[in-house]
Amino acid sequence: MAGAGARLRAGGQRMSAPERGLLYTTLRGEGHGELEDRRSVFLSHAAPVRTEEEALAFVKARQKEFSDATHNVWAFRLGSDTVARYSDDGEPQGSSGMPTLEAIRHTGATDAVVVVTRYFGGTLLGVGGLIRAYSSAARLALEDAGIITYERYAVLSLTVSYSDYQRLLPEISRAGALTDAQNFAERVTLTLAVKVAVAAPLCERVRELTAGRCIPVQT
């Protein structure tokens, strides 16, 4: 299943506040960018990640790849800012890491990491110039990676008798549930993927139709 309990809906669109709990926006893949400002070269790399460990591993890989660079500034965001970290890596405080993080936030994407590598060109850019350069470089990598939005799904597991299974089929179909797995033995065991918005109503309907004989387990 795409993402963490998510299925593809569409890419790149902005979402309204009520939708945010139902949609999941992240990067389509890895992206790269490059810009030059007064002979300083900025190389940017972005990638989707699932965990803090994955994000830090991506950062370390870029630090190793560009170990001769003047700075390797980075930022990542997991969840709705459940975890958000950044590093200026020796640049003036607030001039690089935070602008990189803000570039991620501006896209609406989560579970994303960006590393911007700088090779100093001999001219000081000032804090304002650094903010613009790091923000622009981060945006280039994010645009190259692409933004994609998934619709969140809940996973329901239920075990029922064959008679209850036949009774539930129309309700499962009306809910638009997708069957991820099924097993027909002495009883029928189903694993369903259903939109988060209709998961609770479907669970309640299953309990009603089976007179409490089946209580779906949501994972």
N, C-alpha and C. Protein backbone atom coordinates (compact mmCIF):
# COMPACT_ATOMS: atom_id res chain seq x y z
N MET A 1 0.84 -1.18 0.00
CA MET A 1 0.00 0.00 0.00
C MET A 1 0.88 1.23 0.00
N ALA A 2 0.57 2.20 -0.84
CA ALA A 2 1.42 3.38 -0.97
C ALA A 2 1.41 4.20 0.29
N GLY A 3 2.59 4.65 0.71
CA GLY A 3 2.69 5.48 1.90
C GLY A 3 2.30 4.69 3.13
N ALA A 4 2.10 5.39 4.24
CA ALA A 4 1.70 4.75 5.48
C ALA A 4 0.19 4.80 5.56
N GLY A 5 -0.47 3.72 5.14
CA GLY A 5 -1.92 3.72 5.13
C GLY A 5 -2.48 4.71 4.14
N ALA A 6 -1.89 4.80 2.95
CA ALA A 6 -2.35 5.79 1.98
C ALA A 6 -2.37 5.19 0.59
N ARG A 7 -3.26 5.71 -0.24
CA ARG A 7 -3.32 5.31 -1.64
C ARG A 7 -3.31 6.56 -2.51
N LEU A 8 -2.81 6.40 -3.71
CA LEU A 8 -2.62 7.53 -4.60
C LEU A 8 -3.95 8.20 -4.93
N ARG A 9 -3.95 9.53 -4.80
CA ARG A 9 -5.10 10.30 -5.25
C ARG A 9 -4.71 11.19 -6.42
N ALA A 10 -3.84 12.14 -6.20
CA ALA A 10 -3.43 13.04 -7.26
C ALA A 10 -2.17 13.75 -6.80
N GLY A 11 -1.52 14.47 -7.69
CA GLY A 11 -0.26 15.09 -7.32
C GLY A 11 -0.31 16.59 -7.32
N GLY A 12 0.34 17.18 -6.29
CA GLY A 12 0.67 18.58 -6.35
C GLY A 12 -0.37 19.59 -5.91
N GLN A 13 -1.62 19.21 -5.68
CA GLN A 13 -2.60 20.23 -5.38
C GLN A 13 -2.53 20.66 -3.93
N ARG A 14 -2.92 21.91 -3.66
CA ARG A 14 -3.03 22.39 -2.30
C ARG A 14 -4.31 21.84 -1.70
N MET A 15 -4.35 21.69 -0.37
CA MET A 15 -5.53 21.11 0.26
C MET A 15 -6.12 22.07 1.28
N SER A 16 -7.42 21.97 1.49
CA SER A 16 -8.08 22.80 2.49
C SER A 16 -7.87 22.19 3.86
N ALA A 17 -8.13 22.99 4.91
CA ALA A 17 -7.89 22.52 6.27
C ALA A 17 -8.64 21.24 6.61
N PRO A 18 -9.94 21.10 6.26
CA PRO A 18 -10.64 19.86 6.62
C PRO A 18 -10.06 18.63 5.96
N GLU A 19 -9.38 18.80 4.83
CA GLU A 19 -8.84 17.65 4.10
C GLU A 19 -7.54 17.13 4.69
N ARG A 20 -6.83 17.95 5.46
CA ARG A 20 -5.46 17.61 5.81
C ARG A 20 -5.34 16.30 6.56
N GLY A 21 -6.35 15.96 7.38
CA GLY A 21 -6.28 14.69 8.08
C GLY A 21 -6.57 13.50 7.19
N LEU A 22 -7.12 13.74 6.00
CA LEU A 22 -7.51 12.66 5.10
C LEU A 22 -6.51 12.46 3.97
N LEU A 23 -5.66 13.46 3.75
CA LEU A 23 -4.70 13.39 2.65
C LEU A 23 -3.27 13.39 3.19
N TYR A 24 -2.40 12.81 2.41
CA TYR A 24 -0.99 12.68 2.78
C TYR A 24 -0.15 13.16 1.61
N THR A 25 0.62 14.22 1.82
CA THR A 25 1.41 14.81 0.75
C THR A 25 2.89 14.62 1.03
N THR A 26 3.62 14.13 0.05
CA THR A 26 5.05 13.90 0.21
C THR A 26 5.74 14.08 -1.14
N LEU A 27 7.00 13.68 -1.23
CA LEU A 27 7.75 13.80 -2.47
C LEU A 27 7.54 12.56 -3.34
N ARG A 28 7.46 12.79 -4.64
CA ARG A 28 7.27 11.68 -5.58
C ARG A 28 8.52 10.81 -5.65
N GLY A 29 9.69 11.44 -5.54
CA GLY A 29 10.95 10.70 -5.62
C GLY A 29 12.08 11.62 -5.20
N GLU A 30 13.30 11.27 -5.57
CA GLU A 30 14.43 12.12 -5.25
C GLU A 30 14.53 13.25 -6.27
N GLY A 31 15.09 14.38 -5.82
CA GLY A 31 15.24 15.53 -6.70
C GLY A 31 16.56 16.24 -6.46
N HIS A 32 17.01 16.97 -7.46
CA HIS A 32 18.30 17.65 -7.38
C HIS A 32 18.17 19.07 -7.94
N GLY A 33 19.04 19.95 -7.49
CA GLY A 33 19.05 21.31 -8.00
C GLY A 33 20.44 21.90 -7.87
N GLU A 34 20.68 22.95 -8.62
CA GLU A 34 21.98 23.63 -8.55
C GLU A 34 21.79 25.09 -8.91
N LEU A 35 22.43 25.97 -8.14
CA LEU A 35 22.44 27.38 -8.50
C LEU A 35 23.77 27.99 -8.06
N GLU A 36 24.09 29.12 -8.66
CA GLU A 36 25.33 29.83 -8.33
C GLU A 36 24.98 31.26 -7.96
N ASP A 37 25.58 31.74 -6.89
CA ASP A 37 25.36 33.11 -6.44
C ASP A 37 26.70 33.70 -6.05
N ARG A 38 27.16 34.66 -6.82
CA ARG A 38 28.45 35.32 -6.57
C ARG A 38 29.57 34.31 -6.34
N ARG A 39 29.61 33.35 -7.24
CA ARG A 39 30.64 32.31 -7.33
C ARG A 39 30.51 31.22 -6.26
N SER A 40 29.58 31.36 -5.32
CA SER A 40 29.27 30.24 -4.43
C SER A 40 28.31 29.30 -5.17
N VAL A 41 28.61 28.02 -5.13
CA VAL A 41 27.77 27.02 -5.80
C VAL A 41 26.96 26.27 -4.75
N PHE A 42 25.66 26.16 -4.99
CA PHE A 42 24.75 25.47 -4.08
C PHE A 42 24.17 24.25 -4.80
N LEU A 43 24.42 23.07 -4.25
CA LEU A 43 23.88 21.82 -4.79
C LEU A 43 22.83 21.30 -3.81
N SER A 44 21.64 21.03 -4.28
CA SER A 44 20.57 20.59 -3.39
C SER A 44 20.07 19.21 -3.76
N HIS A 45 19.72 18.45 -2.73
CA HIS A 45 19.21 17.09 -2.91
C HIS A 45 18.02 16.89 -1.97
N ALA A 46 16.93 16.35 -2.51
CA ALA A 46 15.72 16.09 -1.73
C ALA A 46 15.29 14.65 -1.91
N ALA A 47 14.63 14.10 -0.90
CA ALA A 47 14.16 12.71 -0.99
C ALA A 47 13.01 12.47 -0.03
N PRO A 48 12.10 11.55 -0.38
CA PRO A 48 11.07 11.13 0.57
C PRO A 48 11.68 10.15 1.58
N VAL A 49 11.26 10.24 2.82
CA VAL A 49 11.75 9.34 3.87
C VAL A 49 10.57 8.94 4.75
N ARG A 50 10.73 7.83 5.48
CA ARG A 50 9.66 7.36 6.36
C ARG A 50 9.96 7.63 7.83
N THR A 51 11.25 7.64 8.18
CA THR A 51 11.63 7.74 9.59
C THR A 51 12.77 8.74 9.77
N GLU A 52 13.00 9.11 11.02
CA GLU A 52 14.12 10.00 11.33
C GLU A 52 15.44 9.33 10.97
N GLU A 53 15.51 8.01 11.17
CA GLU A 53 16.73 7.27 10.84
C GLU A 53 17.02 7.35 9.34
N GLU A 54 15.99 7.21 8.52
CA GLU A 54 16.17 7.32 7.07
C GLU A 54 16.63 8.72 6.68
N ALA A 55 16.03 9.73 7.32
CA ALA A 55 16.39 11.11 7.01
C ALA A 55 17.85 11.38 7.35
N LEU A 56 18.28 10.95 8.53
CA LEU A 56 19.66 11.18 8.95
C LEU A 56 20.64 10.38 8.11
N ALA A 57 20.23 9.19 7.66
CA ALA A 57 21.09 8.40 6.78
C ALA A 57 21.30 9.11 5.45
N PHE A 58 20.23 9.74 4.94
CA PHE A 58 20.34 10.50 3.69
C PHE A 58 21.29 11.69 3.89
N VAL A 59 21.16 12.37 5.02
CA VAL A 59 22.04 13.50 5.33
C VAL A 59 23.50 13.04 5.38
N LYS A 60 23.75 11.95 6.09
CA LYS A 60 25.12 11.45 6.23
C LYS A 60 25.71 11.04 4.88
N ALA A 61 24.87 10.47 4.03
CA ALA A 61 25.35 10.06 2.70
C ALA A 61 25.77 11.27 1.88
N ARG A 62 25.00 12.37 1.96
CA ARG A 62 25.36 13.58 1.23
C ARG A 62 26.61 14.23 1.84
N GLN A 63 26.72 14.18 3.17
CA GLN A 63 27.91 14.73 3.82
C GLN A 63 29.16 13.97 3.38
N LYS A 64 29.03 12.67 3.23
CA LYS A 64 30.17 11.86 2.78
C LYS A 64 30.47 12.14 1.31
N GLU A 65 29.42 12.25 0.50
CA GLU A 65 29.60 12.49 -0.93
C GLU A 65 30.26 13.85 -1.18
N PHE A 66 29.88 14.85 -0.36
CA PHE A 66 30.40 16.20 -0.55
C PHE A 66 31.22 16.62 0.68
N SER A 67 32.11 15.75 1.08
CA SER A 67 32.92 16.00 2.28
C SER A 67 33.88 17.18 2.10
N ASP A 68 34.14 17.56 0.85
CA ASP A 68 35.05 18.69 0.60
C ASP A 68 34.31 20.02 0.53
N ALA A 69 32.99 20.01 0.73
CA ALA A 69 32.20 21.24 0.64
C ALA A 69 32.42 22.11 1.87
N THR A 70 32.08 23.39 1.73
CA THR A 70 32.20 24.31 2.86
C THR A 70 31.10 24.06 3.89
N HIS A 71 29.89 23.79 3.41
CA HIS A 71 28.76 23.54 4.30
C HIS A 71 27.84 22.49 3.67
N ASN A 72 27.26 21.65 4.52
CA ASN A 72 26.19 20.74 4.12
C ASN A 72 25.01 21.01 5.05
N VAL A 73 24.17 21.92 4.63
CA VAL A 73 23.00 22.33 5.42
C VAL A 73 21.87 21.36 5.15
N TRP A 74 21.08 21.03 6.18
CA TRP A 74 20.00 20.07 5.96
C TRP A 74 18.78 20.39 6.81
N ALA A 75 17.66 19.81 6.38
CA ALA A 75 16.41 19.91 7.13
C ALA A 75 15.52 18.75 6.73
N PHE A 76 14.71 18.29 7.67
CA PHE A 76 13.71 17.28 7.32
C PHE A 76 12.46 17.48 8.17
N ARG A 77 11.37 16.95 7.64
CA ARG A 77 10.06 17.10 8.28
C ARG A 77 9.34 15.76 8.20
N LEU A 78 8.88 15.27 9.34
CA LEU A 78 8.14 14.01 9.41
C LEU A 78 6.78 14.27 10.02
N GLY A 79 5.73 13.68 9.45
CA GLY A 79 4.40 13.93 9.96
C GLY A 79 4.06 15.41 9.81
N SER A 80 3.02 15.85 10.50
CA SER A 80 2.66 17.27 10.47
C SER A 80 3.52 18.01 11.48
N ASP A 81 4.81 18.06 11.19
CA ASP A 81 5.81 18.64 12.09
C ASP A 81 5.92 17.86 13.40
N THR A 82 5.53 16.57 13.37
CA THR A 82 5.75 15.72 14.53
C THR A 82 7.23 15.71 14.87
N VAL A 83 8.06 15.61 13.83
CA VAL A 83 9.51 15.77 13.96
C VAL A 83 9.94 16.73 12.87
N ALA A 84 10.60 17.80 13.24
CA ALA A 84 11.15 18.76 12.28
C ALA A 84 12.51 19.20 12.79
N ARG A 85 13.55 18.90 12.03
CA ARG A 85 14.90 19.22 12.46
C ARG A 85 15.67 19.88 11.33
N TYR A 86 16.69 20.65 11.70
CA TYR A 86 17.52 21.28 10.68
C TYR A 86 18.89 21.60 11.27
N SER A 87 19.84 21.87 10.40
CA SER A 87 21.19 22.26 10.82
C SER A 87 21.73 23.33 9.88
N ASP A 88 22.32 24.38 10.47
CA ASP A 88 22.98 25.43 9.67
C ASP A 88 24.40 25.01 9.26
N ASP A 89 24.93 23.98 9.89
CA ASP A 89 26.26 23.46 9.58
C ASP A 89 27.31 24.56 9.43
N GLY A 90 27.36 25.45 10.40
CA GLY A 90 28.40 26.47 10.41
C GLY A 90 28.03 27.79 9.77
N GLU A 91 26.92 27.84 9.04
CA GLU A 91 26.45 29.11 8.50
C GLU A 91 25.85 29.93 9.65
N PRO A 92 25.70 31.25 9.48
CA PRO A 92 25.10 32.07 10.53
C PRO A 92 23.73 31.53 10.94
N GLN A 93 23.44 31.59 12.23
CA GLN A 93 22.20 31.03 12.75
C GLN A 93 20.98 31.63 12.04
N GLY A 94 20.08 30.75 11.61
CA GLY A 94 18.85 31.18 10.97
C GLY A 94 18.98 31.51 9.50
N SER A 95 20.19 31.37 8.94
CA SER A 95 20.40 31.78 7.55
C SER A 95 20.22 30.66 6.54
N SER A 96 20.15 29.41 7.01
CA SER A 96 20.21 28.31 6.04
C SER A 96 19.33 27.12 6.40
N GLY A 97 19.50 26.56 7.60
CA GLY A 97 18.72 25.38 7.97
C GLY A 97 17.23 25.66 8.05
N MET A 98 16.86 26.75 8.74
CA MET A 98 15.44 27.09 8.85
C MET A 98 14.83 27.45 7.51
N PRO A 99 15.49 28.25 6.66
CA PRO A 99 14.93 28.51 5.33
C PRO A 99 14.74 27.23 4.51
N THR A 100 15.64 26.26 4.69
CA THR A 100 15.48 24.98 3.99
C THR A 100 14.25 24.24 4.50
N LEU A 101 14.06 24.24 5.82
CA LEU A 101 12.88 23.61 6.40
C LEU A 101 11.61 24.32 5.94
N GLU A 102 11.64 25.64 5.89
CA GLU A 102 10.47 26.40 5.45
C GLU A 102 10.14 26.10 3.99
N ALA A 103 11.15 25.83 3.18
CA ALA A 103 10.90 25.47 1.78
C ALA A 103 10.12 24.16 1.71
N ILE A 104 10.46 23.21 2.59
CA ILE A 104 9.71 21.94 2.63
C ILE A 104 8.28 22.21 3.07
N ARG A 105 8.12 22.98 4.14
CA ARG A 105 6.77 23.28 4.65
C ARG A 105 5.91 23.97 3.60
N HIS A 106 6.53 24.85 2.82
CA HIS A 106 5.78 25.62 1.82
C HIS A 106 5.13 24.71 0.79
N THR A 107 5.75 23.58 0.49
CA THR A 107 5.17 22.65 -0.49
C THR A 107 3.99 21.87 0.09
N GLY A 108 3.88 21.85 1.42
CA GLY A 108 2.86 21.03 2.07
C GLY A 108 3.31 19.59 2.26
N ALA A 109 4.52 19.28 1.80
CA ALA A 109 5.01 17.90 1.87
C ALA A 109 5.49 17.55 3.27
N THR A 110 5.31 16.30 3.64
CA THR A 110 5.85 15.78 4.87
C THR A 110 6.67 14.54 4.54
N ASP A 111 7.36 13.99 5.55
CA ASP A 111 8.23 12.83 5.33
C ASP A 111 9.21 13.13 4.20
N ALA A 112 9.90 14.26 4.34
CA ALA A 112 10.81 14.74 3.29
C ALA A 112 12.08 15.30 3.91
N VAL A 113 13.20 15.11 3.22
CA VAL A 113 14.49 15.63 3.67
C VAL A 113 15.15 16.38 2.53
N VAL A 114 15.85 17.46 2.86
CA VAL A 114 16.60 18.24 1.87
C VAL A 114 17.98 18.54 2.44
N VAL A 115 19.00 18.34 1.62
CA VAL A 115 20.36 18.74 1.96
C VAL A 115 20.83 19.73 0.90
N VAL A 116 21.32 20.89 1.35
CA VAL A 116 21.87 21.88 0.43
C VAL A 116 23.36 22.03 0.73
N THR A 117 24.17 21.72 -0.25
CA THR A 117 25.62 21.76 -0.13
C THR A 117 26.14 23.06 -0.73
N ARG A 118 27.04 23.73 0.00
CA ARG A 118 27.60 24.98 -0.51
C ARG A 118 29.11 24.88 -0.67
N TYR A 119 29.56 25.28 -1.84
CA TYR A 119 30.99 25.49 -2.08
C TYR A 119 31.22 26.99 -2.12
N PHE A 120 31.93 27.50 -1.12
CA PHE A 120 32.12 28.94 -0.96
C PHE A 120 32.93 29.51 -2.13
N GLY A 121 32.44 30.64 -2.66
CA GLY A 121 33.08 31.23 -3.83
C GLY A 121 33.96 32.43 -3.53
N GLY A 122 34.13 32.75 -2.24
CA GLY A 122 35.03 33.85 -1.89
C GLY A 122 34.34 35.15 -1.55
N THR A 123 33.03 35.24 -1.79
CA THR A 123 32.29 36.46 -1.49
C THR A 123 31.22 36.18 -0.44
N LEU A 124 31.22 36.95 0.64
CA LEU A 124 30.20 36.80 1.67
C LEU A 124 28.85 37.27 1.14
N LEU A 125 27.82 36.49 1.37
CA LEU A 125 26.49 36.82 0.85
C LEU A 125 25.63 37.58 1.85
N GLY A 126 26.03 37.59 3.11
CA GLY A 126 25.19 38.20 4.14
C GLY A 126 24.03 37.29 4.49
N VAL A 127 23.43 37.53 5.63
CA VAL A 127 22.34 36.66 6.09
C VAL A 127 21.18 36.66 5.10
N GLY A 128 20.80 37.83 4.62
CA GLY A 128 19.70 37.91 3.66
C GLY A 128 19.99 37.15 2.38
N GLY A 129 21.22 37.30 1.89
CA GLY A 129 21.61 36.59 0.67
C GLY A 129 21.64 35.09 0.87
N LEU A 130 22.09 34.66 2.05
CA LEU A 130 22.12 33.22 2.35
C LEU A 130 20.71 32.65 2.42
N ILE A 131 19.81 33.38 3.07
CA ILE A 131 18.42 32.91 3.16
C ILE A 131 17.84 32.71 1.77
N ARG A 132 18.06 33.68 0.89
CA ARG A 132 17.53 33.57 -0.47
C ARG A 132 18.17 32.41 -1.23
N ALA A 133 19.48 32.26 -1.07
CA ALA A 133 20.19 31.22 -1.81
C ALA A 133 19.77 29.82 -1.35
N TYR A 134 19.74 29.61 -0.03
CA TYR A 134 19.38 28.28 0.48
C TYR A 134 17.91 27.96 0.20
N SER A 135 17.04 28.97 0.34
CA SER A 135 15.62 28.75 0.03
C SER A 135 15.45 28.36 -1.44
N SER A 136 16.12 29.10 -2.32
CA SER A 136 15.99 28.84 -3.76
C SER A 136 16.54 27.48 -4.13
N ALA A 137 17.70 27.13 -3.56
CA ALA A 137 18.30 25.83 -3.87
C ALA A 137 17.41 24.70 -3.39
N ALA A 138 16.85 24.84 -2.18
CA ALA A 138 15.95 23.81 -1.66
C ALA A 138 14.73 23.66 -2.55
N ARG A 139 14.16 24.78 -3.00
CA ARG A 139 12.98 24.72 -3.86
C ARG A 139 13.28 24.00 -5.17
N LEU A 140 14.47 24.22 -5.72
CA LEU A 140 14.83 23.55 -6.97
C LEU A 140 14.81 22.03 -6.81
N ALA A 141 15.37 21.54 -5.70
CA ALA A 141 15.39 20.08 -5.48
C ALA A 141 13.98 19.55 -5.24
N LEU A 142 13.17 20.30 -4.49
CA LEU A 142 11.81 19.87 -4.20
C LEU A 142 10.96 19.85 -5.46
N GLU A 143 11.13 20.85 -6.31
CA GLU A 143 10.39 20.88 -7.57
C GLU A 143 10.80 19.72 -8.47
N ASP A 144 12.09 19.41 -8.47
CA ASP A 144 12.58 18.30 -9.28
C ASP A 144 12.07 16.96 -8.75
N ALA A 145 11.96 16.85 -7.42
CA ALA A 145 11.46 15.62 -6.81
C ALA A 145 9.99 15.41 -7.15
N GLY A 146 9.23 16.49 -7.20
CA GLY A 146 7.80 16.40 -7.47
C GLY A 146 7.00 16.18 -6.20
N ILE A 147 5.84 16.79 -6.13
CA ILE A 147 4.96 16.66 -4.97
C ILE A 147 3.78 15.77 -5.35
N ILE A 148 3.45 14.84 -4.48
CA ILE A 148 2.35 13.92 -4.76
C ILE A 148 1.47 13.79 -3.52
N THR A 149 0.17 13.69 -3.73
CA THR A 149 -0.78 13.60 -2.63
C THR A 149 -1.51 12.26 -2.68
N TYR A 150 -1.56 11.61 -1.54
CA TYR A 150 -2.26 10.34 -1.40
C TYR A 150 -3.49 10.53 -0.51
N GLU A 151 -4.49 9.73 -0.74
CA GLU A 151 -5.65 9.72 0.14
C GLU A 151 -5.43 8.66 1.20
N ARG A 152 -5.62 9.04 2.45
CA ARG A 152 -5.35 8.11 3.56
C ARG A 152 -6.41 7.01 3.62
N TYR A 153 -5.93 5.80 3.86
CA TYR A 153 -6.80 4.65 4.04
C TYR A 153 -6.53 4.01 5.40
N ALA A 154 -7.58 3.46 5.99
CA ALA A 154 -7.44 2.64 7.19
C ALA A 154 -7.51 1.18 6.76
N VAL A 155 -6.86 0.32 7.52
CA VAL A 155 -6.88 -1.11 7.24
C VAL A 155 -7.75 -1.79 8.30
N LEU A 156 -8.75 -2.53 7.85
CA LEU A 156 -9.66 -3.23 8.74
C LEU A 156 -9.51 -4.74 8.57
N SER A 157 -9.46 -5.45 9.68
CA SER A 157 -9.42 -6.91 9.65
C SER A 157 -10.68 -7.44 10.32
N LEU A 158 -11.34 -8.40 9.68
CA LEU A 158 -12.54 -8.98 10.27
C LEU A 158 -12.67 -10.45 9.89
N THR A 159 -13.22 -11.21 10.82
CA THR A 159 -13.47 -12.64 10.60
C THR A 159 -14.94 -12.90 10.86
N VAL A 160 -15.60 -13.51 9.87
CA VAL A 160 -17.05 -13.70 9.95
C VAL A 160 -17.44 -15.08 9.44
N SER A 161 -18.66 -15.46 9.74
CA SER A 161 -19.20 -16.70 9.18
C SER A 161 -19.53 -16.47 7.71
N TYR A 162 -19.77 -17.56 6.98
CA TYR A 162 -20.09 -17.42 5.57
C TYR A 162 -21.41 -16.68 5.36
N SER A 163 -22.36 -16.91 6.25
CA SER A 163 -23.65 -16.21 6.11
C SER A 163 -23.49 -14.72 6.37
N ASP A 164 -22.70 -14.36 7.39
CA ASP A 164 -22.44 -12.94 7.65
C ASP A 164 -21.63 -12.32 6.51
N TYR A 165 -20.74 -13.09 5.94
CA TYR A 165 -19.94 -12.59 4.81
C TYR A 165 -20.86 -12.18 3.66
N GLN A 166 -21.83 -13.02 3.33
CA GLN A 166 -22.76 -12.69 2.26
C GLN A 166 -23.59 -11.46 2.61
N ARG A 167 -23.92 -11.33 3.89
CA ARG A 167 -24.71 -10.19 4.34
C ARG A 167 -23.90 -8.89 4.26
N LEU A 168 -22.60 -9.00 4.47
CA LEU A 168 -21.75 -7.80 4.51
C LEU A 168 -21.27 -7.33 3.14
N LEU A 169 -21.27 -8.23 2.16
CA LEU A 169 -20.70 -7.87 0.86
C LEU A 169 -21.27 -6.58 0.26
N PRO A 170 -22.60 -6.39 0.25
CA PRO A 170 -23.13 -5.14 -0.32
C PRO A 170 -22.65 -3.90 0.44
N GLU A 171 -22.54 -4.02 1.77
CA GLU A 171 -22.11 -2.88 2.59
C GLU A 171 -20.64 -2.56 2.32
N ILE A 172 -19.83 -3.60 2.19
CA ILE A 172 -18.41 -3.40 1.89
C ILE A 172 -18.25 -2.72 0.53
N SER A 173 -19.06 -3.14 -0.42
CA SER A 173 -19.01 -2.54 -1.76
C SER A 173 -19.43 -1.08 -1.72
N ARG A 174 -20.51 -0.77 -0.99
CA ARG A 174 -20.99 0.61 -0.91
C ARG A 174 -19.96 1.52 -0.26
N ALA A 175 -19.17 0.97 0.67
CA ALA A 175 -18.15 1.77 1.35
C ALA A 175 -16.93 2.02 0.48
N GLY A 176 -16.88 1.36 -0.68
CA GLY A 176 -15.72 1.52 -1.55
C GLY A 176 -14.47 0.86 -1.01
N ALA A 177 -14.65 -0.14 -0.15
CA ALA A 177 -13.50 -0.82 0.46
C ALA A 177 -12.76 -1.66 -0.58
N LEU A 178 -11.45 -1.71 -0.43
CA LEU A 178 -10.61 -2.52 -1.30
C LEU A 178 -10.14 -3.74 -0.52
N THR A 179 -10.23 -4.91 -1.12
CA THR A 179 -9.82 -6.13 -0.44
C THR A 179 -8.33 -6.36 -0.64
N ASP A 180 -7.57 -6.26 0.45
CA ASP A 180 -6.13 -6.49 0.39
C ASP A 180 -5.80 -7.97 0.54
N ALA A 181 -6.62 -8.69 1.32
CA ALA A 181 -6.38 -10.12 1.52
C ALA A 181 -7.68 -10.77 1.97
N GLN A 182 -7.83 -12.04 1.64
CA GLN A 182 -9.00 -12.79 2.09
C GLN A 182 -8.64 -14.26 2.21
N ASN A 183 -9.25 -14.91 3.19
CA ASN A 183 -8.98 -16.33 3.42
C ASN A 183 -10.30 -17.02 3.74
N PHE A 184 -10.60 -18.06 2.96
CA PHE A 184 -11.84 -18.81 3.14
C PHE A 184 -11.50 -20.17 3.75
N ALA A 185 -11.76 -20.30 5.04
CA ALA A 185 -11.53 -21.56 5.75
C ALA A 185 -12.83 -21.92 6.46
N GLU A 186 -12.75 -22.27 7.75
CA GLU A 186 -13.99 -22.51 8.48
C GLU A 186 -14.81 -21.23 8.57
N ARG A 187 -14.11 -20.12 8.64
CA ARG A 187 -14.74 -18.80 8.61
C ARG A 187 -14.01 -17.95 7.57
N VAL A 188 -14.59 -16.82 7.24
CA VAL A 188 -13.99 -15.94 6.24
C VAL A 188 -13.22 -14.83 6.96
N THR A 189 -11.95 -14.68 6.61
CA THR A 189 -11.13 -13.60 7.16
C THR A 189 -10.80 -12.62 6.05
N LEU A 190 -11.08 -11.35 6.29
CA LEU A 190 -10.87 -10.30 5.30
C LEU A 190 -9.95 -9.22 5.84
N THR A 191 -9.11 -8.69 4.98
CA THR A 191 -8.35 -7.48 5.28
C THR A 191 -8.75 -6.45 4.24
N LEU A 192 -9.35 -5.37 4.71
CA LEU A 192 -9.90 -4.35 3.83
C LEU A 192 -9.16 -3.03 3.99
N ALA A 193 -8.99 -2.32 2.89
CA ALA A 193 -8.48 -0.95 2.93
C ALA A 193 -9.66 -0.03 2.60
N VAL A 194 -9.92 0.92 3.49
CA VAL A 194 -11.08 1.79 3.32
C VAL A 194 -10.68 3.22 3.65
N LYS A 195 -11.28 4.17 2.96
CA LYS A 195 -10.97 5.57 3.23
C LYS A 195 -11.22 5.89 4.71
N VAL A 196 -10.30 6.67 5.28
CA VAL A 196 -10.38 7.00 6.70
C VAL A 196 -11.74 7.58 7.06
N ALA A 197 -12.29 8.40 6.17
CA ALA A 197 -13.55 9.08 6.46
C ALA A 197 -14.72 8.13 6.65
N VAL A 198 -14.65 6.94 6.06
CA VAL A 198 -15.78 6.01 6.15
C VAL A 198 -15.44 4.78 6.98
N ALA A 199 -14.24 4.73 7.57
CA ALA A 199 -13.84 3.55 8.34
C ALA A 199 -14.74 3.33 9.55
N ALA A 200 -14.95 4.37 10.35
CA ALA A 200 -15.77 4.22 11.56
C ALA A 200 -17.22 3.86 11.23
N PRO A 201 -17.86 4.54 10.26
CA PRO A 201 -19.23 4.14 9.91
C PRO A 201 -19.32 2.70 9.41
N LEU A 202 -18.32 2.26 8.65
CA LEU A 202 -18.34 0.88 8.16
C LEU A 202 -18.22 -0.11 9.32
N CYS A 203 -17.33 0.19 10.27
CA CYS A 203 -17.17 -0.69 11.43
C CYS A 203 -18.48 -0.81 12.21
N GLU A 204 -19.16 0.32 12.38
CA GLU A 204 -20.42 0.31 13.10
C GLU A 204 -21.47 -0.49 12.34
N ARG A 205 -21.48 -0.35 11.02
CA ARG A 205 -22.45 -1.09 10.21
C ARG A 205 -22.18 -2.59 10.26
N VAL A 206 -20.91 -2.98 10.28
CA VAL A 206 -20.56 -4.40 10.38
C VAL A 206 -21.07 -4.96 11.71
N ARG A 207 -20.88 -4.21 12.78
CA ARG A 207 -21.36 -4.67 14.09
C ARG A 207 -22.88 -4.83 14.09
N GLU A 208 -23.56 -3.87 13.45
CA GLU A 208 -25.03 -3.94 13.40
C GLU A 208 -25.50 -5.15 12.60
N LEU A 209 -24.93 -5.33 11.41
CA LEU A 209 -25.40 -6.40 10.53
C LEU A 209 -25.07 -7.79 11.05
N THR A 210 -24.04 -7.89 11.90
CA THR A 210 -23.68 -9.20 12.45
C THR A 210 -24.16 -9.35 13.89
N ALA A 211 -24.96 -8.38 14.35
CA ALA A 211 -25.49 -8.41 15.73
C ALA A 211 -24.36 -8.56 16.75
N GLY A 212 -23.25 -7.88 16.48
CA GLY A 212 -22.13 -7.89 17.41
C GLY A 212 -21.23 -9.10 17.31
N ARG A 213 -21.52 -10.00 16.37
CA ARG A 213 -20.68 -11.19 16.24
C ARG A 213 -19.30 -10.85 15.66
N CYS A 214 -19.22 -9.73 14.96
CA CYS A 214 -17.94 -9.32 14.37
C CYS A 214 -17.65 -7.87 14.74
N ILE A 215 -16.50 -7.65 15.33
CA ILE A 215 -16.03 -6.30 15.64
C ILE A 215 -14.73 -6.10 14.87
N PRO A 216 -14.75 -5.33 13.79
CA PRO A 216 -13.54 -5.14 12.98
C PRO A 216 -12.40 -4.55 13.80
N VAL A 217 -11.20 -4.97 13.47
CA VAL A 217 -10.00 -4.45 14.10
C VAL A 217 -9.32 -3.51 13.12
N GLN A 218 -9.11 -2.26 13.54
CA GLN A 218 -8.46 -1.29 12.66
C GLN A 218 -6.98 -1.20 12.97
N THR A 219 -6.15 -1.27 11.93
CA THR A 219 -4.70 -1.17 12.10
C THR A 219 -4.15 -0.04 11.27
